[in-house]
Protein backbone atom coordinates (compact mmCIF):
# COMPACT_ATOMS: atom_id res chain seq x y z
CA MET A 1 3.13 -20.82 10.52
CA GLN A 2 3.49 -23.42 8.01
CA LEU A 3 2.31 -24.47 4.16
CA PRO A 4 0.61 -27.02 3.05
CA THR A 5 3.62 -28.27 0.42
CA GLU A 6 3.16 -31.18 0.27
CA GLN A 7 -0.66 -30.88 -1.40
CA TYR A 8 0.94 -28.17 -3.90
CA ASN A 9 0.39 -30.49 -7.01
CA SER A 10 -3.06 -31.06 -6.15
CA LEU A 11 -4.11 -28.18 -5.21
CA LEU A 12 -2.87 -26.76 -8.24
CA ALA A 13 -4.63 -29.54 -10.80
CA GLU A 14 -8.01 -28.57 -9.18
CA LYS A 15 -7.35 -24.94 -9.80
CA THR A 16 -6.09 -26.29 -13.67
CA GLN A 17 -9.39 -28.73 -14.10
CA LYS A 18 -11.72 -25.49 -12.65
CA LEU A 19 -9.85 -23.18 -15.49
CA ARG A 20 -10.68 -25.74 -18.12
CA GLN A 21 -14.19 -26.43 -17.35
CA LEU A 22 -15.20 -22.70 -17.06
CA LEU A 23 -13.25 -22.34 -20.79
CA ALA A 24 -14.54 -25.43 -22.20
CA PRO A 25 -18.01 -23.28 -23.91
CA PHE A 26 -15.17 -21.49 -25.79
CA SER A 27 -13.36 -23.87 -27.73
CA ALA A 28 -9.94 -23.23 -25.68
CA PRO A 29 -6.82 -25.44 -26.54
CA GLU A 30 -4.85 -27.32 -24.05
CA LEU A 31 -4.09 -25.17 -21.08
CA GLN A 32 -0.25 -24.33 -20.15
CA VAL A 33 -0.08 -24.04 -16.50
CA TYR A 34 2.77 -22.41 -14.91
CA PRO A 35 3.55 -23.58 -11.03
CA SER A 36 4.91 -21.40 -8.63
CA ALA A 37 7.76 -21.94 -6.31
CA PRO A 38 5.84 -24.09 -3.67
CA LYS A 39 7.31 -21.46 -0.57
CA HIS A 40 8.98 -18.19 -0.47
CA TYR A 41 7.02 -16.88 -3.50
CA ARG A 42 5.23 -13.81 -2.53
CA MET A 43 7.75 -10.18 -2.71
CA ARG A 44 4.96 -8.12 -0.55
CA ALA A 45 3.20 -8.90 2.76
CA GLU A 46 1.51 -6.80 5.47
CA PHE A 47 1.13 -7.80 8.90
CA ARG A 48 -0.47 -6.42 11.84
CA VAL A 49 1.35 -5.62 15.20
CA TRP A 50 0.18 -6.56 18.41
CA HIS A 51 1.94 -5.41 21.70
CA ASP A 52 1.85 -7.43 24.85
CA GLY A 53 3.79 -5.62 27.87
CA ASP A 54 7.62 -5.42 26.35
CA ASP A 55 6.62 -7.87 23.80
CA LEU A 56 6.07 -6.82 20.63
CA TYR A 57 5.62 -9.22 16.85
CA HIS A 58 3.91 -9.46 13.83
CA ILE A 59 0.20 -10.92 13.80
CA MET A 60 -2.42 -12.26 11.14
CA PHE A 61 -5.95 -12.98 11.89
CA ASN A 62 -7.41 -16.34 10.79
CA GLN A 63 -10.33 -14.67 8.05
CA GLU A 64 -12.84 -17.05 9.29
CA THR A 65 -12.43 -16.93 12.77
CA ARG A 66 -10.96 -13.61 13.14
CA GLN A 67 -8.42 -14.89 16.06
CA ARG A 68 -5.30 -13.51 16.06
CA PHE A 69 -2.24 -15.49 16.10
CA ARG A 70 1.79 -14.70 16.36
CA VAL A 71 3.53 -14.42 13.23
CA ASP A 72 7.65 -14.45 13.72
CA SER A 73 8.67 -16.06 9.73
CA PHE A 74 6.29 -16.78 7.03
CA PRO A 75 7.21 -19.20 4.47
CA ALA A 76 4.75 -17.63 1.38
CA ALA A 77 6.87 -14.09 1.74
CA SER A 78 10.15 -14.30 0.41
CA LEU A 79 13.56 -15.09 1.94
CA LEU A 80 14.54 -11.00 2.43
CA ILE A 81 11.27 -10.41 4.14
CA ASN A 82 11.37 -13.33 6.40
CA GLN A 83 15.09 -12.29 6.63
CA MET A 84 14.02 -8.61 7.77
CA MET A 85 10.80 -9.90 9.61
CA GLN A 86 13.88 -11.13 12.19
CA THR A 87 15.73 -8.45 12.61
CA LEU A 88 13.42 -5.71 12.36
CA ILE A 89 11.25 -6.45 15.56
CA PRO A 90 13.80 -6.63 18.08
CA LEU A 91 15.36 -3.36 16.82
CA LEU A 92 12.36 -1.71 16.87
CA LYS A 93 12.16 -2.80 20.90
CA GLU A 94 15.18 -0.90 21.04
CA GLN A 95 13.40 2.46 20.47
CA ASP A 96 10.35 3.29 22.33
CA ILE A 97 9.67 6.29 19.98
CA LEU A 98 9.50 3.66 17.03
CA ARG A 99 7.43 0.92 18.91
CA ALA A 100 4.64 3.46 20.24
CA ARG A 101 1.62 3.16 18.31
CA LEU A 102 2.87 1.09 15.81
CA PHE A 103 -0.40 -0.80 14.20
CA GLN A 104 1.11 -2.56 11.28
CA ILE A 105 4.48 -3.08 9.15
CA ASP A 106 4.24 -3.46 5.71
CA TYR A 107 7.14 -5.18 3.13
CA LEU A 108 7.84 -4.98 -0.15
CA SER A 109 10.80 -6.66 -1.79
CA THR A 110 12.59 -7.77 -4.82
CA LEU A 111 14.59 -10.56 -7.00
CA SER A 112 17.49 -7.56 -6.42
CA GLN A 113 17.77 -7.82 -2.97
CA GLN A 114 15.87 -4.26 -2.35
CA ILE A 115 13.71 -3.37 0.64
CA ILE A 116 10.75 -1.27 1.70
CA VAL A 117 9.66 -1.72 5.46
CA SER A 118 6.20 0.94 5.72
CA LEU A 119 5.85 1.92 9.56
CA LEU A 120 2.17 2.53 10.21
CA TYR A 121 1.16 4.46 13.12
CA HIS A 122 -1.78 5.85 15.01
CA LYS A 123 -0.01 8.94 16.17
CA ASN A 124 1.54 11.68 14.92
CA LEU A 125 5.61 11.41 13.44
CA THR A 126 7.53 14.05 14.91
CA ASP A 127 11.33 15.28 13.93
CA GLU A 128 12.04 12.94 16.40
CA TRP A 129 10.79 9.75 15.05
CA LYS A 130 12.64 10.94 11.74
CA VAL A 131 16.14 10.74 13.62
CA ALA A 132 15.16 7.37 15.18
CA ALA A 133 14.03 6.33 12.08
CA GLN A 134 16.91 7.00 10.21
CA ALA A 135 19.12 5.16 13.06
CA LEU A 136 17.38 2.13 12.96
CA LYS A 137 18.17 2.40 9.00
CA ASN A 138 21.01 2.82 9.45
CA GLN A 139 21.55 -0.54 11.89
CA LEU A 140 20.25 -2.29 8.89
CA LEU A 141 22.46 -1.16 6.36
CA GLU A 142 25.13 -2.02 8.74
CA LEU A 143 23.64 -5.38 8.64
CA GLY A 144 23.77 -6.03 4.80
CA PHE A 145 20.44 -5.04 4.07
CA ASN A 146 19.08 -2.58 1.44
CA VAL A 147 16.69 -1.25 3.36
CA GLN A 148 14.24 1.94 2.42
CA ILE A 149 12.10 2.93 5.75
CA ILE A 150 8.77 5.12 5.45
CA GLY A 151 6.52 6.26 8.22
CA ARG A 152 3.01 6.49 7.77
CA ALA A 153 0.27 8.16 9.96
CA SER A 154 -2.90 10.17 9.42
CA LYS A 155 -1.92 11.96 6.54
CA GLN A 156 1.93 12.00 7.15
CA LYS A 157 3.95 9.87 4.88
CA ILE A 158 8.21 10.31 5.74
CA CYS A 159 10.64 8.83 3.47
CA LEU A 160 13.68 8.88 4.83
CA GLU A 161 15.43 8.60 1.06
CA HIS A 162 12.67 7.88 -1.50
CA ASP A 163 9.56 5.22 -1.61
CA TYR A 164 10.91 3.13 -4.39
CA VAL A 165 13.12 -0.10 -5.17
CA ASP A 166 14.28 -1.40 -8.08
CA GLU A 167 13.65 -5.25 -9.45
CA VAL A 168 15.30 -6.79 -11.88
CA LEU A 169 13.24 -9.16 -14.04
CA PRO A 170 15.00 -12.31 -16.27
CA VAL A 171 12.60 -12.68 -19.02
CA HIS A 172 14.38 -14.77 -22.37
CA GLY A 173 17.72 -14.01 -21.12
CA ARG A 174 17.17 -10.40 -20.77
CA HIS A 175 17.23 -8.64 -17.55
CA TYR A 176 14.63 -5.46 -17.32
CA VAL A 177 14.65 -3.09 -14.50
CA TYR A 178 11.67 -2.16 -13.56
CA ARG A 179 10.65 0.23 -10.21
CA GLN A 180 8.17 -0.58 -7.90
CA VAL A 181 6.58 2.37 -5.87
CA GLU A 182 5.52 1.82 -2.16
CA ASN A 183 1.82 1.15 -1.83
CA SER A 184 1.39 0.80 -5.93
CA PHE A 185 0.68 -2.04 -7.58
CA THR A 186 3.28 -4.73 -8.12
CA GLN A 187 2.63 -8.32 -9.49
CA PRO A 188 3.29 -10.49 -5.94
CA ASN A 189 5.12 -13.78 -7.23
CA ALA A 190 8.29 -11.97 -9.07
CA GLY A 191 8.89 -15.74 -10.44
CA VAL A 192 5.43 -16.31 -12.19
CA ASN A 193 5.26 -12.64 -13.28
CA CYS A 194 8.68 -13.58 -15.25
CA LYS A 195 6.93 -16.51 -16.70
CA MET A 196 4.06 -14.27 -17.67
CA LEU A 197 6.09 -12.25 -19.15
CA GLU A 198 8.00 -14.68 -21.02
CA TRP A 199 4.83 -16.23 -22.44
CA ALA A 200 3.48 -12.82 -23.81
CA VAL A 201 6.32 -12.14 -25.32
CA ASP A 202 6.28 -15.68 -27.14
CA CYS A 203 2.39 -15.07 -27.86
CA THR A 204 3.33 -11.95 -29.97
CA ARG A 205 6.75 -12.63 -31.29
CA GLN A 206 5.14 -13.37 -34.76
CA SER A 207 3.70 -9.90 -34.85
CA LYS A 208 3.84 -6.96 -37.07
CA LYS A 209 2.47 -3.44 -36.86
CA ASP A 210 1.49 -1.65 -33.70
CA LEU A 211 0.63 -2.28 -29.87
CA LEU A 212 -1.87 -0.92 -27.70
CA GLU A 213 -2.05 -1.93 -24.09
CA LEU A 214 -4.85 -0.88 -21.53
CA TYR A 215 -4.23 -0.51 -17.26
CA CYS A 216 -0.02 -0.79 -17.77
CA GLY A 217 0.99 -0.07 -14.87
CA ASN A 218 4.18 0.38 -14.24
CA GLY A 219 4.97 -1.06 -17.86
CA ASN A 220 5.41 -5.08 -16.48
CA PHE A 221 3.92 -5.95 -19.73
CA SER A 222 4.93 -3.09 -22.34
CA VAL A 223 8.43 -2.77 -21.55
CA ALA A 224 9.35 -6.53 -22.67
CA LEU A 225 6.64 -6.73 -25.29
CA ALA A 226 8.41 -3.96 -27.18
CA GLN A 227 10.72 -5.68 -28.97
CA ASN A 228 7.81 -7.49 -30.92
CA PHE A 229 6.13 -4.49 -32.19
CA ARG A 230 7.19 -1.05 -34.59
CA GLN A 231 5.65 1.39 -31.90
CA VAL A 232 3.46 0.60 -28.28
CA LEU A 233 1.15 2.90 -26.78
CA ALA A 234 0.12 2.33 -23.44
CA THR A 235 -2.30 3.85 -20.85
CA GLU A 236 -2.33 4.15 -17.38
CA ILE A 237 -4.64 5.90 -14.52
CA ALA A 238 -2.86 6.18 -11.43
CA LYS A 239 0.22 8.56 -11.67
CA PRO A 240 3.16 6.90 -9.67
CA SER A 241 2.64 3.96 -12.04
CA VAL A 242 3.03 6.14 -14.60
CA GLU A 243 6.04 7.59 -13.44
CA ALA A 244 7.74 4.36 -12.65
CA ALA A 245 6.79 3.36 -16.12
CA GLN A 246 8.25 6.54 -17.86
CA PHE A 247 12.01 5.16 -15.81
CA ASN A 248 11.20 1.96 -16.80
CA ILE A 249 11.01 3.31 -20.14
CA ALA A 250 14.36 4.98 -19.87
CA GLU A 251 16.35 2.42 -17.82
CA ASN A 252 15.57 -0.16 -20.37
CA GLN A 253 16.15 1.85 -23.24
CA ILE A 254 12.96 1.26 -24.89
CA ASP A 255 12.23 3.76 -27.61
CA ASN A 256 9.21 2.49 -29.15
CA LEU A 257 7.08 3.37 -26.08
CA GLN A 258 4.66 5.84 -25.30
CA ILE A 259 2.40 6.02 -22.21
CA ILE A 260 -0.54 8.10 -21.44
CA ARG A 261 -2.27 9.02 -18.35
CA MET A 262 -5.62 8.52 -18.60
CA SER A 263 -8.09 5.76 -18.07
CA ALA A 264 -9.05 2.64 -20.95
CA GLU A 265 -12.98 3.94 -20.24
CA ASP A 266 -11.62 7.56 -21.10
CA PHE A 267 -9.32 6.39 -24.14
CA THR A 268 -12.24 4.17 -25.70
CA GLN A 269 -13.66 7.55 -25.47
CA ALA A 270 -10.86 9.36 -27.93
CA MET A 271 -10.82 5.99 -30.07
CA ASN A 272 -14.49 6.34 -31.08
CA GLY A 273 -14.18 10.17 -31.23
CA VAL A 274 -17.27 10.75 -28.47
CA ARG A 275 -15.02 13.17 -26.63
CA GLU A 276 -11.46 14.72 -26.98
CA PHE A 277 -8.74 14.99 -24.63
CA TYR A 278 -6.34 17.70 -23.50
CA ARG A 279 -3.66 14.93 -22.96
CA LEU A 280 -3.87 13.26 -26.03
CA ARG A 281 -2.82 16.85 -27.40
CA SER A 282 0.85 15.75 -28.61
CA ILE A 283 0.14 12.32 -29.47
CA ASN A 284 -1.46 11.94 -33.36
CA LEU A 285 -3.78 8.46 -33.08
CA ASN A 286 -3.50 8.07 -36.98
CA ASP A 287 0.72 7.72 -36.73
CA TYR A 288 -0.36 3.96 -35.07
CA ASP A 289 -1.68 1.30 -37.09
CA CYS A 290 -2.60 -1.57 -33.71
CA GLU A 291 -3.04 -4.79 -35.18
CA THR A 292 -2.71 -6.23 -31.29
CA ILE A 293 -4.19 -5.03 -28.51
CA PHE A 294 -3.33 -5.69 -24.68
CA VAL A 295 -5.38 -5.46 -21.39
CA ASP A 296 -5.01 -6.94 -18.07
CA PRO A 297 -8.02 -5.56 -16.57
CA PRO A 298 -9.08 -5.19 -12.72
CA ARG A 299 -11.17 -7.92 -10.98
CA ALA A 300 -14.69 -6.33 -12.69
CA GLY A 301 -13.20 -7.44 -16.39
CA LEU A 302 -13.81 -5.35 -19.46
CA ASP A 303 -16.93 -2.91 -19.61
CA GLU A 304 -19.28 -3.66 -22.54
CA ALA A 305 -17.59 -0.20 -24.52
CA THR A 306 -14.00 -1.38 -24.10
CA VAL A 307 -14.85 -4.82 -24.70
CA LYS A 308 -16.29 -3.73 -28.25
CA LEU A 309 -13.23 -1.69 -28.94
CA VAL A 310 -10.98 -4.55 -28.22
CA GLN A 311 -13.29 -6.54 -31.06
CA ASN A 312 -11.57 -4.34 -33.47
CA TYR A 313 -8.06 -5.15 -33.19
CA GLU A 314 -7.13 -8.61 -35.76
CA ARG A 315 -5.14 -10.02 -32.22
CA ILE A 316 -6.07 -10.02 -28.15
CA LEU A 317 -3.62 -10.58 -25.52
CA TYR A 318 -5.84 -10.80 -22.30
CA ILE A 319 -4.36 -11.51 -19.10
CA SER A 320 -7.00 -12.21 -16.28
CA CYS A 321 -7.43 -11.99 -12.67
CA ASN A 322 -10.66 -13.32 -12.52
CA PRO A 323 -12.04 -15.90 -14.44
CA HIS A 324 -15.47 -15.43 -14.55
CA THR A 325 -15.53 -11.89 -15.83
CA LEU A 326 -12.89 -13.09 -18.17
CA CYS A 327 -15.61 -15.91 -19.15
CA ASP A 328 -18.18 -12.87 -19.40
CA ASN A 329 -16.02 -11.13 -21.75
CA LEU A 330 -14.87 -14.09 -23.68
CA LYS A 331 -18.76 -14.98 -24.52
CA THR A 332 -18.49 -11.88 -26.70
CA LEU A 333 -15.31 -11.73 -27.85
CA THR A 334 -15.38 -14.96 -29.48
CA GLN A 335 -18.46 -14.09 -31.41
CA THR A 336 -15.18 -12.32 -33.61
CA HIS A 337 -12.22 -14.00 -32.48
CA ARG A 338 -10.90 -17.61 -31.57
CA ILE A 339 -8.94 -18.71 -28.78
CA GLU A 340 -5.12 -19.71 -29.95
CA LYS A 341 -3.59 -20.21 -26.67
CA ALA A 342 -4.28 -20.24 -23.05
CA ALA A 343 -2.38 -20.43 -19.54
CA LEU A 344 -3.04 -20.83 -16.19
CA PHE A 345 -0.33 -18.67 -13.62
CA ASP A 346 -0.21 -19.77 -10.20
CA GLN A 347 0.18 -16.37 -9.11
CA PHE A 348 -1.57 -16.85 -5.45
CA PRO A 349 -0.63 -20.65 -4.32
CA TYR A 350 -2.94 -22.42 -1.76
CA THR A 351 -5.95 -19.97 -2.97
CA ASP A 352 -8.71 -20.05 -4.55
CA HIS A 353 -7.23 -17.47 -7.08
CA ILE A 354 -6.34 -17.94 -10.67
CA GLU A 355 -4.58 -15.58 -13.02
CA THR A 356 -5.31 -16.40 -16.70
CA GLY A 357 -4.10 -15.78 -20.15
CA VAL A 358 -5.66 -15.78 -23.60
CA TRP A 359 -4.05 -15.37 -26.44
CA LEU A 360 -7.29 -14.70 -29.54
CA ILE A 361 -7.15 -14.18 -33.06
CA LYS A 362 -9.83 -12.94 -35.32
CA LYS A 363 -11.87 -15.43 -37.26
């Protein structure tokens, strides 16, 4: 599989022009554009597995024709994933119990050179499988891979050690540790993620008082942003992400960041006094004086109630994975706020996907 690297700059220019046009009605300033590395930028990859007699290999499907094609290397993925792909398949072929009924392999790698290999099966995983998988892991460790092996089947998940890797990201010269859990959301393009974090830190550098963050995930942004605020209060609903965030807070010695496990919609109800929540019993919301709010919502954007909540804050930092729902929200937000900065982060080269950041200040 090849990437059209010679077209990268022109494809990014098309995205930039498209986003400029979408933001034009809101009097947005000139876009800051943060490109990706043209290859080896993805920290995650998933492949189906094809069995052909004694042969075994990764496959992908053409999205338009649904035809399968063999993948022996994947230049979009990190070098570590490519090295693991080429090393793993011959080792799997040696063990019938590891290759039988294997239908998918997922990879999660890091800049810190740790990697998770998840093997997905259409069969029950037995103690015999576990012994063979441990032997596989030992072989990979001897070859120099810092690897975790996970087996998955219907209602089964077997971790030989643990189900996470610890990433290390440089942000303006400081290195932050981020625990990333298998099968949980993490930013796929680590290089661009570092640029996003640096941009967010720069936007909020002159901020005062406290920060409220909705949809904080594993604390990707909140851990780096904590340096700019007196206190940070962040919400996240997914339990594995909350647990990873708690680790990240402790590992990075952040002492002014509190994570609440609840949805943004529930937190909005709590802030508006609609209802009380048991999970807030140990937190006095009156102790926080948040002038800044940070949101990184799903593709659907912010719901109407959350948009109204967000408008109450002097400063809004909004990261969006869907510029169309962002613009829907901006129709309301720009009634009370102006866009001070806007940025395009090319998380997904060679696709139509656009990651956007806007920094809004109350009029």
